[in-house]
């Protein structure tokens, strides 16, 4: 059986995601990795349910690389930063 690593990562919230969560950043402990970007988003939604307002319009950035939410597999390491980047233009 493949052993999963459980690193601690820092989640950074920007713009609307910071408004929804009331946070600029928080620590996520014991994030299973490898993890799909979709599963990572689901994990963030469980922790911060108000982020659902950004569903389908948000993108993640892992180690400053943009990642679409979907089936992309991510290998997170202890101390990695995951940014929640909502749409940048107003409506």
PDB file of N, CA and C in Angstrom:
ATOM      1  N   UNK A   1       0.839  -1.180   0.000  1.00  0.00           N
ATOM      2  CA  UNK A   1       0.000   0.000   0.000  1.00  0.00           C
ATOM      3  C   UNK A   1       0.887   1.248   0.000  1.00  0.00           C
ATOM      4  N   UNK A   2       0.561   2.211  -0.882  1.00  0.00           N
ATOM      5  CA  UNK A   2       1.344   3.441  -0.981  1.00  0.00           C
ATOM      6  C   UNK A   2       1.131   4.281   0.268  1.00  0.00           C
ATOM      7  N   UNK A   3       2.234   4.706   0.858  1.00  0.00           N
ATOM      8  CA  UNK A   3       2.149   5.536   2.058  1.00  0.00           C
ATOM      9  C   UNK A   3       2.021   6.997   1.658  1.00  0.00           C
ATOM     10  N   UNK A   4       0.994   7.651   2.166  1.00  0.00           N
ATOM     11  CA  UNK A   4       0.793   9.063   1.877  1.00  0.00           C
ATOM     12  C   UNK A   4       1.599   9.898   2.857  1.00  0.00           C
ATOM     13  N   UNK A   5       2.167  10.966   2.352  1.00  0.00           N
ATOM     14  CA  UNK A   5       2.816  11.951   3.193  1.00  0.00           C
ATOM     15  C   UNK A   5       1.739  12.926   3.658  1.00  0.00           C
ATOM     16  N   UNK A   6       1.907  13.532   4.824  1.00  0.00           N
ATOM     17  CA  UNK A   6       0.924  14.468   5.360  1.00  0.00           C
ATOM     18  C   UNK A   6       1.593  15.779   5.755  1.00  0.00           C
ATOM     19  N   UNK A   7       1.993  16.574   4.750  1.00  0.00           N
ATOM     20  CA  UNK A   7       2.695  17.817   5.061  1.00  0.00           C
ATOM     21  C   UNK A   7       1.757  18.901   5.594  1.00  0.00           C
ATOM     22  N   UNK A   8       2.370  19.896   6.197  1.00  0.00           N
ATOM     23  CA  UNK A   8       1.662  21.108   6.606  1.00  0.00           C
ATOM     24  C   UNK A   8       1.929  22.169   5.551  1.00  0.00           C
ATOM     25  N   UNK A   9       0.856  22.794   5.046  1.00  0.00           N
ATOM     26  CA  UNK A   9       1.012  23.831   4.031  1.00  0.00           C
ATOM     27  C   UNK A   9       0.335  25.117   4.514  1.00  0.00           C
ATOM     28  N   UNK A  10       0.756  26.236   3.947  1.00  0.00           N
ATOM     29  CA  UNK A  10       0.154  27.532   4.243  1.00  0.00           C
ATOM     30  C   UNK A  10      -0.760  27.897   3.091  1.00  0.00           C
ATOM     31  N   UNK A  11      -2.011  28.230   3.417  1.00  0.00           N
ATOM     32  CA  UNK A  11      -2.968  28.664   2.403  1.00  0.00           C
ATOM     33  C   UNK A  11      -3.046  30.186   2.460  1.00  0.00           C
ATOM     34  N   UNK A  12      -2.842  30.812   1.305  1.00  0.00           N
ATOM     35  CA  UNK A  12      -2.903  32.268   1.200  1.00  0.00           C
ATOM     36  C   UNK A  12      -4.202  32.642   0.498  1.00  0.00           C
ATOM     37  N   UNK A  13      -4.923  33.596   1.073  1.00  0.00           N
ATOM     38  CA  UNK A  13      -6.185  34.047   0.485  1.00  0.00           C
ATOM     39  C   UNK A  13      -6.011  35.460  -0.056  1.00  0.00           C
ATOM     40  N   UNK A  14      -6.490  35.685  -1.280  1.00  0.00           N
ATOM     41  CA  UNK A  14      -6.378  36.984  -1.923  1.00  0.00           C
ATOM     42  C   UNK A  14      -7.760  37.505  -2.319  1.00  0.00           C
ATOM     43  N   UNK A  15      -7.885  38.843  -2.328  1.00  0.00           N
ATOM     44  CA  UNK A  15      -9.075  39.526  -2.836  1.00  0.00           C
ATOM     45  C   UNK A  15     -10.353  38.948  -2.235  1.00  0.00           C
ATOM     46  N   UNK A  16     -11.263  38.499  -3.080  1.00  0.00           N
ATOM     47  CA  UNK A  16     -12.576  38.019  -2.615  1.00  0.00           C
ATOM     48  C   UNK A  16     -12.449  36.816  -1.681  1.00  0.00           C
ATOM     49  N   UNK A  17     -11.475  35.952  -1.902  1.00  0.00           N
ATOM     50  CA  UNK A  17     -11.324  34.778  -1.017  1.00  0.00           C
ATOM     51  C   UNK A  17     -10.955  35.216   0.394  1.00  0.00           C
ATOM     52  N   UNK A  18     -10.172  36.298   0.524  1.00  0.00           N
ATOM     53  CA  UNK A  18      -9.825  36.827   1.850  1.00  0.00           C
ATOM     54  C   UNK A  18     -11.058  37.439   2.510  1.00  0.00           C
ATOM     55  N   UNK A  19     -11.885  38.118   1.716  1.00  0.00           N
ATOM     56  CA  UNK A  19     -13.118  38.687   2.265  1.00  0.00           C
ATOM     57  C   UNK A  19     -14.054  37.587   2.764  1.00  0.00           C
ATOM     58  N   UNK A  20     -14.186  36.530   1.997  1.00  0.00           N
ATOM     59  CA  UNK A  20     -15.099  35.438   2.361  1.00  0.00           C
ATOM     60  C   UNK A  20     -14.638  34.689   3.611  1.00  0.00           C
ATOM     61  N   UNK A  21     -13.339  34.485   3.737  1.00  0.00           N
ATOM     62  CA  UNK A  21     -12.825  33.709   4.872  1.00  0.00           C
ATOM     63  C   UNK A  21     -12.511  34.576   6.080  1.00  0.00           C
ATOM     64  N   UNK A  22     -12.299  35.880   5.845  1.00  0.00           N
ATOM     65  CA  UNK A  22     -11.872  36.756   6.932  1.00  0.00           C
ATOM     66  C   UNK A  22     -10.407  36.552   7.288  1.00  0.00           C
ATOM     67  N   UNK A  23      -9.680  35.862   6.408  1.00  0.00           N
ATOM     68  CA  UNK A  23      -8.271  35.531   6.671  1.00  0.00           C
ATOM     69  C   UNK A  23      -7.403  35.925   5.489  1.00  0.00           C
ATOM     70  N   UNK A  24      -6.156  36.216   5.769  1.00  0.00           N
ATOM     71  CA  UNK A  24      -5.164  36.398   4.707  1.00  0.00           C
ATOM     72  C   UNK A  24      -4.392  35.094   4.488  1.00  0.00           C
ATOM     73  N   UNK A  25      -4.237  34.341   5.573  1.00  0.00           N
ATOM     74  CA  UNK A  25      -3.568  33.040   5.455  1.00  0.00           C
ATOM     75  C   UNK A  25      -3.920  32.167   6.637  1.00  0.00           C
ATOM     76  N   UNK A  26      -3.747  30.864   6.452  1.00  0.00           N
ATOM     77  CA  UNK A  26      -3.927  29.905   7.538  1.00  0.00           C
ATOM     78  C   UNK A  26      -3.105  28.663   7.231  1.00  0.00           C
ATOM     79  N   UNK A  27      -2.817  27.927   8.289  1.00  0.00           N
ATOM     80  CA  UNK A  27      -2.067  26.681   8.137  1.00  0.00           C
ATOM     81  C   UNK A  27      -3.042  25.527   7.946  1.00  0.00           C
ATOM     82  N   UNK A  28      -2.724  24.651   7.021  1.00  0.00           N
ATOM     83  CA  UNK A  28      -3.460  23.400   6.861  1.00  0.00           C
ATOM     84  C   UNK A  28      -2.510  22.292   7.277  1.00  0.00           C
ATOM     85  N   UNK A  29      -2.915  21.524   8.245  1.00  0.00           N
ATOM     86  CA  UNK A  29      -2.062  20.474   8.784  1.00  0.00           C
ATOM     87  C   UNK A  29      -2.500  19.130   8.208  1.00  0.00           C
ATOM     88  N   UNK A  30      -1.546  18.280   7.933  1.00  0.00           N
ATOM     89  CA  UNK A  30      -1.801  16.908   7.500  1.00  0.00           C
ATOM     90  C   UNK A  30      -2.632  16.847   6.214  1.00  0.00           C
ATOM     91  N   UNK A  31      -2.157  17.532   5.184  1.00  0.00           N
ATOM     92  CA  UNK A  31      -2.796  17.466   3.872  1.00  0.00           C
ATOM     93  C   UNK A  31      -2.264  16.227   3.164  1.00  0.00           C
ATOM     94  N   UNK A  32      -3.142  15.293   2.775  1.00  0.00           N
ATOM     95  CA  UNK A  32      -2.648  14.091   2.100  1.00  0.00           C
ATOM     96  C   UNK A  32      -2.040  14.444   0.746  1.00  0.00           C
ATOM     97  N   UNK A  33      -0.912  13.836   0.441  1.00  0.00           N
ATOM     98  CA  UNK A  33      -0.265  14.080  -0.848  1.00  0.00           C
ATOM     99  C   UNK A  33       0.359  12.779  -1.332  1.00  0.00           C
ATOM    100  N   UNK A  34       0.314  12.474  -2.612  1.00  0.00           N
ATOM    101  CA  UNK A  34      -0.224  13.318  -3.667  1.00  0.00           C
ATOM    102  C   UNK A  34      -1.742  13.488  -3.550  1.00  0.00           C
ATOM    103  N   UNK A  35      -2.225  14.619  -4.069  1.00  0.00           N
ATOM    104  CA  UNK A  35      -3.639  14.955  -4.020  1.00  0.00           C
ATOM    105  C   UNK A  35      -3.996  15.636  -5.340  1.00  0.00           C
ATOM    106  N   UNK A  36      -5.197  15.411  -5.827  1.00  0.00           N
ATOM    107  CA  UNK A  36      -5.602  16.113  -7.046  1.00  0.00           C
ATOM    108  C   UNK A  36      -5.963  17.549  -6.686  1.00  0.00           C
ATOM    109  N   UNK A  37      -5.858  18.447  -7.659  1.00  0.00           N
ATOM    110  CA  UNK A  37      -6.210  19.841  -7.397  1.00  0.00           C
ATOM    111  C   UNK A  37      -7.686  19.959  -7.022  1.00  0.00           C
ATOM    112  N   UNK A  38      -8.535  19.096  -7.582  1.00  0.00           N
ATOM    113  CA  UNK A  38      -9.952  19.088  -7.216  1.00  0.00           C
ATOM    114  C   UNK A  38     -10.173  18.659  -5.778  1.00  0.00           C
ATOM    115  N   UNK A  39      -9.430  17.650  -5.336  1.00  0.00           N
ATOM    116  CA  UNK A  39      -9.547  17.201  -3.942  1.00  0.00           C
ATOM    117  C   UNK A  39      -8.995  18.247  -2.981  1.00  0.00           C
ATOM    118  N   UNK A  40      -7.954  18.953  -3.399  1.00  0.00           N
ATOM    119  CA  UNK A  40      -7.409  20.024  -2.569  1.00  0.00           C
ATOM    120  C   UNK A  40      -8.447  21.138  -2.417  1.00  0.00           C
ATOM    121  N   UNK A  41      -9.123  21.504  -3.501  1.00  0.00           N
ATOM    122  CA  UNK A  41     -10.180  22.514  -3.438  1.00  0.00           C
ATOM    123  C   UNK A  41     -11.303  22.036  -2.510  1.00  0.00           C
ATOM    124  N   UNK A  42     -11.689  20.755  -2.610  1.00  0.00           N
ATOM    125  CA  UNK A  42     -12.735  20.207  -1.736  1.00  0.00           C
ATOM    126  C   UNK A  42     -12.313  20.293  -0.270  1.00  0.00           C
ATOM    127  N   UNK A  43     -11.038  20.035   0.003  1.00  0.00           N
ATOM    128  CA  UNK A  43     -10.512  20.150   1.366  1.00  0.00           C
ATOM    129  C   UNK A  43     -10.614  21.597   1.861  1.00  0.00           C
ATOM    130  N   UNK A  44     -10.285  22.546   0.993  1.00  0.00           N
ATOM    131  CA  UNK A  44     -10.395  23.959   1.357  1.00  0.00           C
ATOM    132  C   UNK A  44     -11.855  24.348   1.598  1.00  0.00           C
ATOM    133  N   UNK A  45     -12.771  23.813   0.788  1.00  0.00           N
ATOM    134  CA  UNK A  45     -14.196  24.109   0.980  1.00  0.00           C
ATOM    135  C   UNK A  45     -14.712  23.563   2.308  1.00  0.00           C
ATOM    136  N   UNK A  46     -14.227  22.391   2.714  1.00  0.00           N
ATOM    137  CA  UNK A  46     -14.650  21.839   4.008  1.00  0.00           C
ATOM    138  C   UNK A  46     -14.169  22.738   5.145  1.00  0.00           C
ATOM    139  N   UNK A  47     -12.988  23.301   5.000  1.00  0.00           N
ATOM    140  CA  UNK A  47     -12.424  24.166   6.038  1.00  0.00           C
ATOM    141  C   UNK A  47     -13.048  25.570   5.993  1.00  0.00           C
ATOM    142  N   UNK A  48     -13.324  26.069   4.798  1.00  0.00           N
ATOM    143  CA  UNK A  48     -13.866  27.418   4.602  1.00  0.00           C
ATOM    144  C   UNK A  48     -15.067  27.332   3.652  1.00  0.00           C
ATOM    145  N   UNK A  49     -16.236  26.920   4.147  1.00  0.00           N
ATOM    146  CA  UNK A  49     -17.400  26.689   3.276  1.00  0.00           C
ATOM    147  C   UNK A  49     -17.838  27.910   2.468  1.00  0.00           C
ATOM    148  N   UNK A  50     -17.549  29.110   2.926  1.00  0.00           N
ATOM    149  CA  UNK A  50     -17.987  30.305   2.196  1.00  0.00           C
ATOM    150  C   UNK A  50     -17.254  30.464   0.856  1.00  0.00           C
ATOM    151  N   UNK A  51     -16.151  29.753   0.677  1.00  0.00           N
ATOM    152  CA  UNK A  51     -15.428  29.810  -0.592  1.00  0.00           C
ATOM    153  C   UNK A  51     -16.251  29.252  -1.756  1.00  0.00           C
ATOM    154  N   UNK A  52     -17.325  28.542  -1.447  1.00  0.00           N
ATOM    155  CA  UNK A  52     -18.167  27.985  -2.507  1.00  0.00           C
ATOM    156  C   UNK A  52     -18.684  29.095  -3.436  1.00  0.00           C
ATOM    157  N   UNK A  53     -18.737  30.326  -2.953  1.00  0.00           N
ATOM    158  CA  UNK A  53     -19.162  31.458  -3.787  1.00  0.00           C
ATOM    159  C   UNK A  53     -18.220  31.663  -4.974  1.00  0.00           C
ATOM    160  N   UNK A  54     -17.010  31.147  -4.883  1.00  0.00           N
ATOM    161  CA  UNK A  54     -16.023  31.299  -5.957  1.00  0.00           C
ATOM    162  C   UNK A  54     -15.945  30.077  -6.866  1.00  0.00           C
ATOM    163  N   UNK A  55     -16.741  29.061  -6.566  1.00  0.00           N
ATOM    164  CA  UNK A  55     -16.705  27.800  -7.317  1.00  0.00           C
ATOM    165  C   UNK A  55     -16.738  28.075  -8.824  1.00  0.00           C
ATOM    166  N   UNK A  56     -15.914  27.398  -9.558  1.00  0.00           N
ATOM    167  CA  UNK A  56     -15.806  27.453 -11.019  1.00  0.00           C
ATOM    168  C   UNK A  56     -15.187  28.753 -11.538  1.00  0.00           C
ATOM    169  N   UNK A  57     -14.846  29.683 -10.650  1.00  0.00           N
ATOM    170  CA  UNK A  57     -14.198  30.912 -11.111  1.00  0.00           C
ATOM    171  C   UNK A  57     -12.862  31.132 -10.420  1.00  0.00           C
ATOM    172  N   UNK A  58     -12.438  30.194  -9.625  1.00  0.00           N
ATOM    173  CA  UNK A  58     -11.228  30.360  -8.837  1.00  0.00           C
ATOM    174  C   UNK A  58     -10.116  29.492  -9.419  1.00  0.00           C
ATOM    175  N   UNK A  59      -8.898  29.897  -9.168  1.00  0.00           N
ATOM    176  CA  UNK A  59      -7.743  29.087  -9.559  1.00  0.00           C
ATOM    177  C   UNK A  59      -6.826  28.998  -8.345  1.00  0.00           C
ATOM    178  N   UNK A  60      -6.089  27.925  -8.253  1.00  0.00           N
ATOM    179  CA  UNK A  60      -5.123  27.758  -7.174  1.00  0.00           C
ATOM    180  C   UNK A  60      -3.723  28.013  -7.717  1.00  0.00           C
ATOM    181  N   UNK A  61      -2.843  28.412  -6.844  1.00  0.00           N
ATOM    182  CA  UNK A  61      -1.426  28.506  -7.200  1.00  0.00           C
ATOM    183  C   UNK A  61      -0.651  27.731  -6.144  1.00  0.00           C
ATOM    184  N   UNK A  62       0.159  26.789  -6.599  1.00  0.00           N
ATOM    185  CA  UNK A  62       0.976  25.976  -5.711  1.00  0.00           C
ATOM    186  C   UNK A  62       2.428  26.267  -6.041  1.00  0.00           C
ATOM    187  N   UNK A  63       3.165  26.718  -5.035  1.00  0.00           N
ATOM    188  CA  UNK A  63       4.555  27.138  -5.256  1.00  0.00           C
ATOM    189  C   UNK A  63       4.642  28.152  -6.399  1.00  0.00           C
ATOM    190  N   UNK A  64       3.681  29.088  -6.416  1.00  0.00           N
ATOM    191  CA  UNK A  64       3.617  30.194  -7.394  1.00  0.00           C
ATOM    192  C   UNK A  64       3.365  29.743  -8.821  1.00  0.00           C
ATOM    193  N   UNK A  65       2.859  28.537  -8.996  1.00  0.00           N
ATOM    194  CA  UNK A  65       2.477  28.036 -10.319  1.00  0.00           C
ATOM    195  C   UNK A  65       0.965  27.853 -10.334  1.00  0.00           C
ATOM    196  N   UNK A  66       0.294  28.447 -11.326  1.00  0.00           N
ATOM    197  CA  UNK A  66      -1.164  28.316 -11.402  1.00  0.00           C
ATOM    198  C   UNK A  66      -1.564  26.884 -11.706  1.00  0.00           C
ATOM    199  N   UNK A  67      -2.628  26.457 -11.035  1.00  0.00           N
ATOM    200  CA  UNK A  67      -3.129  25.100 -11.177  1.00  0.00           C
ATOM    201  C   UNK A  67      -4.644  25.172 -11.327  1.00  0.00           C
ATOM    202  N   UNK A  68      -5.163  24.661 -12.431  1.00  0.00           N
ATOM    203  CA  UNK A  68      -6.612  24.607 -12.603  1.00  0.00           C
ATOM    204  C   UNK A  68      -7.185  23.551 -11.659  1.00  0.00           C
ATOM    205  N   UNK A  69      -8.393  23.795 -11.184  1.00  0.00           N
ATOM    206  CA  UNK A  69      -9.034  22.832 -10.297  1.00  0.00           C
ATOM    207  C   UNK A  69      -9.587  21.703 -11.153  1.00  0.00           C
ATOM    208  N   UNK A  70      -9.139  20.494 -10.865  1.00  0.00           N
ATOM    209  CA  UNK A  70      -9.540  19.338 -11.661  1.00  0.00           C
ATOM    210  C   UNK A  70      -8.786  18.102 -11.224  1.00  0.00           C
ATOM    211  N   UNK A  71      -8.284  17.356 -12.208  1.00  0.00           N
ATOM    212  CA  UNK A  71      -7.636  16.073 -11.910  1.00  0.00           C
ATOM    213  C   UNK A  71      -6.120  16.148 -11.824  1.00  0.00           C
ATOM    214  N   UNK A  72      -5.551  17.336 -11.958  1.00  0.00           N
ATOM    215  CA  UNK A  72      -4.089  17.452 -11.896  1.00  0.00           C
ATOM    216  C   UNK A  72      -3.585  16.998 -10.532  1.00  0.00           C
ATOM    217  N   UNK A  73      -2.608  16.083 -10.552  1.00  0.00           N
ATOM    218  CA  UNK A  73      -2.051  15.572  -9.292  1.00  0.00           C
ATOM    219  C   UNK A  73      -0.955  16.499  -8.790  1.00  0.00           C
ATOM    220  N   UNK A  74      -1.039  16.802  -7.501  1.00  0.00           N
ATOM    221  CA  UNK A  74      -0.073  17.681  -6.866  1.00  0.00           C
ATOM    222  C   UNK A  74       0.690  16.907  -5.801  1.00  0.00           C
ATOM    223  N   UNK A  75       1.974  17.108  -5.747  1.00  0.00           N
ATOM    224  CA  UNK A  75       2.787  16.548  -4.671  1.00  0.00           C
ATOM    225  C   UNK A  75       3.204  17.709  -3.779  1.00  0.00           C
ATOM    226  N   UNK A  76       2.523  17.842  -2.666  1.00  0.00           N
ATOM    227  CA  UNK A  76       2.804  18.930  -1.734  1.00  0.00           C
ATOM    228  C   UNK A  76       3.913  18.532  -0.776  1.00  0.00           C
ATOM    229  N   UNK A  77       4.674  19.532  -0.362  1.00  0.00           N
ATOM    230  CA  UNK A  77       5.756  19.301   0.592  1.00  0.00           C
ATOM    231  C   UNK A  77       5.544  20.197   1.797  1.00  0.00           C
ATOM    232  N   UNK A  78       6.109  19.789   2.912  1.00  0.00           N
ATOM    233  CA  UNK A  78       6.012  20.588   4.138  1.00  0.00           C
ATOM    234  C   UNK A  78       6.455  22.020   3.847  1.00  0.00           C
ATOM    235  N   UNK A  79       5.644  22.970   4.240  1.00  0.00           N
ATOM    236  CA  UNK A  79       6.004  24.375   4.072  1.00  0.00           C
ATOM    237  C   UNK A  79       5.563  24.990   2.751  1.00  0.00           C
ATOM    238  N   UNK A  80       4.965  24.207   1.856  1.00  0.00           N
ATOM    239  CA  UNK A  80       4.488  24.761   0.587  1.00  0.00           C
ATOM    240  C   UNK A  80       3.397  25.800   0.827  1.00  0.00           C
ATOM    241  N   UNK A  81       3.285  26.723  -0.121  1.00  0.00           N
ATOM    242  CA  UNK A  81       2.205  27.709  -0.097  1.00  0.00           C
ATOM    243  C   UNK A  81       1.213  27.386  -1.192  1.00  0.00           C
ATOM    244  N   UNK A  82      -0.063  27.424  -0.817  1.00  0.00           N
ATOM    245  CA  UNK A  82      -1.162  27.238  -1.760  1.00  0.00           C
ATOM    246  C   UNK A  82      -1.963  28.535  -1.726  1.00  0.00           C
ATOM    247  N   UNK A  83      -2.069  29.212  -2.856  1.00  0.00           N
ATOM    248  CA  UNK A  83      -2.821  30.462  -2.915  1.00  0.00           C
ATOM    249  C   UNK A  83      -4.171  30.230  -3.568  1.00  0.00           C
ATOM    250  N   UNK A  84      -5.196  30.857  -3.012  1.00  0.00           N
ATOM    251  CA  UNK A  84      -6.536  30.839  -3.599  1.00  0.00           C
ATOM    252  C   UNK A  84      -6.689  32.170  -4.333  1.00  0.00           C
ATOM    253  N   UNK A  85      -6.758  32.084  -5.659  1.00  0.00           N
ATOM    254  CA  UNK A  85      -6.757  33.285  -6.498  1.00  0.00           C
ATOM    255  C   UNK A  85      -8.108  33.412  -7.203  1.00  0.00           C
ATOM    256  N   UNK A  86      -8.965  34.298  -6.698  1.00  0.00           N
ATOM    257  CA  UNK A  86     -10.260  34.502  -7.351  1.00  0.00           C
ATOM    258  C   UNK A  86     -10.089  35.369  -8.610  1.00  0.00           C
ATOM    259  N   UNK A  87     -11.156  35.523  -9.388  1.00  0.00           N
ATOM    260  CA  UNK A  87     -11.064  36.401 -10.560  1.00  0.00           C
ATOM    261  C   UNK A  87     -10.610  37.792 -10.138  1.00  0.00           C
ATOM    262  N   UNK A  88      -9.753  38.387 -10.905  1.00  0.00           N
ATOM    263  CA  UNK A  88      -9.169  39.661 -10.503  1.00  0.00           C
ATOM    264  C   UNK A  88      -9.958  40.874 -10.987  1.00  0.00           C
ATOM    265  N   UNK A  89     -10.805  40.691 -11.999  1.00  0.00           N
ATOM    266  CA  UNK A  89     -11.572  41.839 -12.492  1.00  0.00           C
ATOM    267  C   UNK A  89     -12.949  41.880 -11.839  1.00  0.00           C
ATOM    268  N   UNK A  90     -13.441  43.085 -11.630  1.00  0.00           N
ATOM    269  CA  UNK A  90     -14.772  43.248 -11.058  1.00  0.00           C
ATOM    270  C   UNK A  90     -15.836  43.047 -12.114  1.00  0.00           C
ATOM    271  N   UNK A  91     -17.097  42.900 -11.662  1.00  0.00           N
ATOM    272  CA  UNK A  91     -18.158  42.621 -12.620  1.00  0.00           C
ATOM    273  C   UNK A  91     -19.086  43.764 -12.840  1.00  0.00           C
TER     274      UNK A  91
END
